[in-house]
């Protein structure tokens, strides 16, 4: 650019321009200009690359106005379609499955569900491992559809709320301590057997013990003596004689 000099003149005055005028160049020229253009070109390339990567990430993650991928944001919360993997703890108030499918929790090690109080202490824990299912709670209860307790376990007792407790094992049921029940009977095609291999067998009731065989015999086997004792009442001598004769 050329810097021009202006002079004010009055009418009738003639001023001659000097022959040698000074010319000053203003701007960026040479290698500075080329470096500036190169820097602007690099910025433009980086901008285009960032835009392309952003579009690619949005396309790969299936990002949409309603959510991202299989995760959709609804009025009721978050909806997740398909299988998902969580690398860190999951905190949720409620977890529901779809109406036409079941809810599956799967892990290569174990699945642990904890219930905590407002102070953060664990009050209940369900741990499903490869070899054992562990429940840590003050009380464990299984209820029916109408909220009837079917099976209850606490520190003091085990309560079975069903009408019939059936043991299908070939060895029967083993009790290390006393058992309280109003009725013991086998299946219609099997015999009832009460046995104590190493200790004594005792049956006590405040109002009497009744042993009945509707379609068979009653057998009592003992290594030593069989004692029938009545503390209050009379004894039938014929019944005692029949037992002694065996």
Protein backbone atom coordinates (compact mmCIF):
# COMPACT_ATOMS: atom_id res chain seq x y z
CA UNK A 1 0.00 0.00 0.00
CA UNK A 2 1.14 3.52 -0.76
CA UNK A 3 0.86 6.21 1.78
CA UNK A 4 -0.34 9.41 0.05
CA UNK A 5 0.30 12.88 1.33
CA UNK A 6 -2.39 15.47 1.05
CA UNK A 7 -1.88 19.23 1.35
CA UNK A 8 -4.48 21.89 1.53
CA UNK A 9 -4.32 24.67 -1.05
CA UNK A 10 -6.15 27.84 -1.57
CA UNK A 11 -7.61 28.98 -4.83
CA UNK A 12 -5.05 30.49 -7.14
CA UNK A 13 -2.10 28.76 -5.50
CA UNK A 14 -0.10 26.17 -7.37
CA UNK A 15 1.95 23.71 -5.39
CA UNK A 16 4.18 21.28 -7.11
CA UNK A 17 4.51 17.74 -5.75
CA UNK A 18 7.94 16.70 -4.70
CA UNK A 19 9.67 14.36 -7.05
CA UNK A 20 10.86 11.85 -4.40
CA UNK A 21 7.88 10.56 -2.34
CA UNK A 22 8.33 8.00 0.49
CA UNK A 23 6.34 4.71 -0.02
CA UNK A 24 5.52 2.52 3.04
CA UNK A 25 4.19 -1.08 2.70
CA UNK A 26 1.69 -2.20 5.40
CA UNK A 27 0.68 -5.93 5.77
CA UNK A 28 2.12 -9.47 6.09
CA UNK A 29 4.28 -10.62 3.28
CA UNK A 30 6.74 -13.37 2.61
CA UNK A 31 7.11 -16.39 4.88
CA UNK A 32 4.86 -14.86 7.56
CA UNK A 33 1.96 -14.79 5.14
CA UNK A 34 2.52 -18.40 4.11
CA UNK A 35 2.69 -19.55 7.78
CA UNK A 36 -0.57 -17.71 8.54
CA UNK A 37 -2.35 -19.39 5.64
CA UNK A 38 -0.96 -22.77 6.70
CA UNK A 39 -2.18 -22.25 10.29
CA UNK A 40 -5.67 -21.30 9.09
CA UNK A 41 -5.70 -24.36 6.84
CA UNK A 42 -4.75 -26.63 9.78
CA UNK A 43 -7.51 -25.14 11.92
CA UNK A 44 -10.00 -25.76 9.14
CA UNK A 45 -8.86 -29.38 8.77
CA UNK A 46 -9.15 -29.95 12.56
CA UNK A 47 -12.63 -28.45 12.53
CA UNK A 48 -13.74 -30.75 9.72
CA UNK A 49 -12.21 -33.78 11.49
CA UNK A 50 -13.99 -32.92 14.77
CA UNK A 51 -17.31 -32.55 12.98
CA UNK A 52 -16.81 -35.88 11.20
CA UNK A 53 -15.87 -37.66 14.47
CA UNK A 54 -18.89 -36.17 16.26
CA UNK A 55 -21.24 -37.38 13.54
CA UNK A 56 -19.60 -40.83 13.59
CA UNK A 57 -19.93 -41.13 17.38
CA UNK A 58 -23.59 -40.10 17.25
CA UNK A 59 -24.20 -42.68 14.54
CA UNK A 60 -22.36 -45.51 16.31
CA UNK A 61 -24.06 -44.91 19.68
CA UNK A 62 -27.48 -44.55 18.04
CA UNK A 63 -27.94 -41.20 19.68
CA UNK A 64 -31.41 -39.76 19.21
CA UNK A 65 -33.65 -37.18 20.92
CA UNK A 66 -35.28 -39.97 22.98
CA UNK A 67 -32.07 -41.58 24.23
CA UNK A 68 -28.88 -43.31 23.18
CA UNK A 69 -28.70 -46.79 21.69
CA UNK A 70 -30.96 -49.27 23.52
CA UNK A 71 -31.43 -46.75 26.34
CA UNK A 72 -34.52 -44.58 25.98
CA UNK A 73 -35.72 -41.81 28.26
CA UNK A 74 -39.45 -41.99 29.00
CA UNK A 75 -41.83 -40.28 31.39
CA UNK A 76 -41.64 -43.21 33.83
CA UNK A 77 -37.83 -43.40 33.80
CA UNK A 78 -35.29 -45.20 31.64
CA UNK A 79 -36.13 -48.05 29.27
CA UNK A 80 -33.40 -50.44 28.21
CA UNK A 81 -33.83 -52.84 25.30
CA UNK A 82 -31.76 -55.99 24.83
CA UNK A 83 -28.79 -57.20 26.88
CA UNK A 84 -26.66 -54.70 28.79
CA UNK A 85 -23.50 -54.89 30.85
CA UNK A 86 -22.86 -52.74 33.94
CA UNK A 87 -19.25 -52.31 35.02
CA UNK A 88 -20.07 -50.38 38.19
CA UNK A 89 -22.85 -50.57 40.84
CA UNK A 90 -26.40 -49.87 39.68
CA UNK A 91 -28.71 -47.83 41.89
CA UNK A 92 -32.41 -47.90 41.02
CA UNK A 93 -35.69 -47.63 42.86
CA UNK A 94 -37.52 -50.21 40.73
CA UNK A 95 -36.47 -52.60 37.97
CA UNK A 96 -39.16 -54.08 35.72
CA UNK A 97 -38.95 -56.39 32.72
CA UNK A 98 -41.03 -56.25 29.60
CA UNK A 99 -44.54 -57.68 29.70
CA UNK A 100 -43.69 -60.49 27.27
CA UNK A 101 -40.29 -61.43 28.74
CA UNK A 102 -38.64 -62.26 32.05
CA UNK A 103 -35.98 -60.34 33.94
CA UNK A 104 -32.54 -61.99 33.83
CA UNK A 105 -29.59 -61.01 36.05
CA UNK A 106 -26.42 -62.81 34.98
CA UNK A 107 -22.81 -62.66 36.16
CA UNK A 108 -19.67 -64.77 35.75
CA UNK A 109 -18.94 -64.59 39.50
CA UNK A 110 -22.01 -63.85 41.62
CA UNK A 111 -25.07 -61.62 41.78
CA UNK A 112 -25.46 -59.60 44.98
CA UNK A 113 -28.49 -57.48 45.92
CA UNK A 114 -28.17 -55.26 48.99
CA UNK A 115 -30.81 -53.33 50.95
CA UNK A 116 -29.51 -50.39 52.97
CA UNK A 117 -30.97 -48.07 55.59
CA UNK A 118 -30.73 -44.26 55.43
CA UNK A 119 -27.34 -44.46 57.20
CA UNK A 120 -25.95 -46.66 54.41
CA UNK A 121 -25.73 -49.86 56.46
CA UNK A 122 -26.67 -53.16 54.83
CA UNK A 123 -29.91 -54.48 56.36
CA UNK A 124 -30.52 -57.32 53.90
CA UNK A 125 -28.42 -59.13 51.34
CA UNK A 126 -29.12 -61.73 48.66
CA UNK A 127 -26.02 -63.32 47.13
CA UNK A 128 -26.28 -65.88 44.34
CA UNK A 129 -22.94 -67.56 43.76
CA UNK A 130 -21.75 -70.45 41.59
CA UNK A 131 -22.03 -72.93 44.49
CA UNK A 132 -24.33 -71.37 47.09
CA UNK A 133 -27.24 -68.99 47.53
CA UNK A 134 -26.77 -66.88 50.66
CA UNK A 135 -29.42 -64.69 52.29
CA UNK A 136 -28.47 -62.34 55.11
CA UNK A 137 -31.49 -60.89 56.88
CA UNK A 138 -33.33 -60.95 60.19
CA UNK A 139 -36.17 -62.94 58.63
CA UNK A 140 -36.70 -64.86 55.39
CA UNK A 141 -40.25 -65.44 54.18
CA UNK A 142 -41.91 -66.94 51.10
CA UNK A 143 -45.53 -65.93 50.52
CA UNK A 144 -48.26 -67.01 48.13
CA UNK A 145 -50.16 -64.84 45.68
CA UNK A 146 -52.68 -63.88 48.35
CA UNK A 147 -49.87 -62.88 50.78
CA UNK A 148 -50.21 -66.06 52.85
CA UNK A 149 -46.88 -67.01 54.53
CA UNK A 150 -45.73 -70.36 53.14
CA UNK A 151 -42.22 -70.59 54.59
CA UNK A 152 -40.72 -68.39 57.28
CA UNK A 153 -37.26 -68.57 58.84
CA UNK A 154 -35.83 -66.43 61.63
CA UNK A 155 -33.36 -66.86 64.48
CA UNK A 156 -35.89 -68.63 66.72
CA UNK A 157 -37.97 -70.93 64.51
CA UNK A 158 -38.80 -72.25 61.06
CA UNK A 159 -42.49 -72.08 60.15
CA UNK A 160 -44.05 -73.95 57.24
CA UNK A 161 -47.44 -72.45 56.45
CA UNK A 162 -48.63 -75.00 53.86
CA UNK A 163 -51.21 -77.69 54.59
CA UNK A 164 -48.74 -80.49 53.91
CA UNK A 165 -44.97 -80.78 54.19
CA UNK A 166 -43.72 -83.54 51.88
CA UNK A 167 -40.22 -85.01 52.00
CA UNK A 168 -39.39 -86.97 48.84
CA UNK A 169 -35.81 -87.99 49.63
CA UNK A 170 -35.01 -91.73 49.73
CA UNK A 171 -33.49 -91.40 53.22
CA UNK A 172 -36.47 -89.51 54.61
CA UNK A 173 -36.05 -86.55 56.93
CA UNK A 174 -33.26 -86.25 59.52
CA UNK A 175 -33.88 -84.19 62.67
CA UNK A 176 -31.05 -83.61 65.10
CA UNK A 177 -33.36 -82.27 67.82
CA UNK A 178 -37.05 -82.43 68.72
CA UNK A 179 -39.88 -82.06 66.23
CA UNK A 180 -43.35 -80.74 67.05
CA UNK A 181 -46.18 -81.74 64.70
CA UNK A 182 -49.81 -82.83 65.09
CA UNK A 183 -49.65 -85.53 62.39
CA UNK A 184 -47.06 -87.72 60.66
CA UNK A 185 -48.13 -89.99 57.79
CA UNK A 186 -46.49 -91.45 54.68
CA UNK A 187 -47.71 -91.65 51.10
CA UNK A 188 -50.58 -94.12 50.48
CA UNK A 189 -48.25 -96.70 48.88
CA UNK A 190 -45.41 -96.47 51.43
CA UNK A 191 -44.87 -97.45 55.06
CA UNK A 192 -44.25 -95.03 57.90
CA UNK A 193 -41.00 -95.66 59.74
CA UNK A 194 -39.72 -93.81 62.80
CA UNK A 195 -36.14 -94.75 63.62
CA UNK A 196 -33.36 -93.64 65.95
CA UNK A 197 -30.16 -95.48 64.96
CA UNK A 198 -27.93 -94.47 67.89
CA UNK A 199 -30.19 -92.94 70.55
CA UNK A 200 -33.66 -93.45 71.98
CA UNK A 201 -36.95 -92.55 70.34
CA UNK A 202 -39.48 -90.74 72.49
CA UNK A 203 -42.99 -89.58 71.62
CA UNK A 204 -44.67 -87.24 74.10
CA UNK A 205 -48.00 -85.42 74.01
CA UNK A 206 -49.95 -83.62 76.76
CA UNK A 207 -53.25 -85.33 75.83
CA UNK A 208 -52.05 -88.65 74.48
CA UNK A 209 -50.23 -90.31 71.59
CA UNK A 210 -52.28 -92.23 69.00
CA UNK A 211 -50.69 -94.73 66.62
CA UNK A 212 -53.03 -96.14 63.98
CA UNK A 213 -52.55 -98.48 61.01
CA UNK A 214 -55.74 -98.55 58.94
CA UNK A 215 -54.66 -101.30 56.50
CA UNK A 216 -51.66 -103.07 58.04
CA UNK A 217 -49.68 -103.99 61.10
CA UNK A 218 -47.80 -101.95 63.66
CA UNK A 219 -44.28 -103.17 64.40
CA UNK A 220 -42.03 -101.96 67.22
CA UNK A 221 -38.40 -103.15 67.15
CA UNK A 222 -35.81 -102.40 69.81
CA UNK A 223 -32.35 -103.69 70.74
CA UNK A 224 -33.24 -103.62 74.44
CA UNK A 225 -36.67 -103.23 76.07
CA UNK A 226 -39.88 -101.60 74.92
CA UNK A 227 -41.50 -99.72 77.79
CA UNK A 228 -45.06 -98.40 77.72
CA UNK A 229 -45.70 -96.27 80.78
CA UNK A 230 -48.93 -94.58 81.87
CA UNK A 231 -48.56 -92.19 84.76
CA UNK A 232 -52.27 -91.55 85.22
CA UNK A 233 -54.81 -94.19 84.17
CA UNK A 234 -55.31 -97.95 83.94
CA UNK A 235 -53.33 -100.50 81.92
CA UNK A 236 -54.85 -103.27 79.87
CA UNK A 237 -53.23 -106.52 81.04
CA UNK A 238 -54.11 -108.39 77.85
CA UNK A 239 -52.36 -105.76 75.72
CA UNK A 240 -49.28 -105.90 77.96
CA UNK A 241 -49.22 -109.73 77.76
CA UNK A 242 -49.37 -109.66 73.97
CA UNK A 243 -46.41 -107.30 73.78
CA UNK A 244 -44.37 -109.44 76.18
CA UNK A 245 -45.17 -112.60 74.25
CA UNK A 246 -43.68 -111.17 71.07
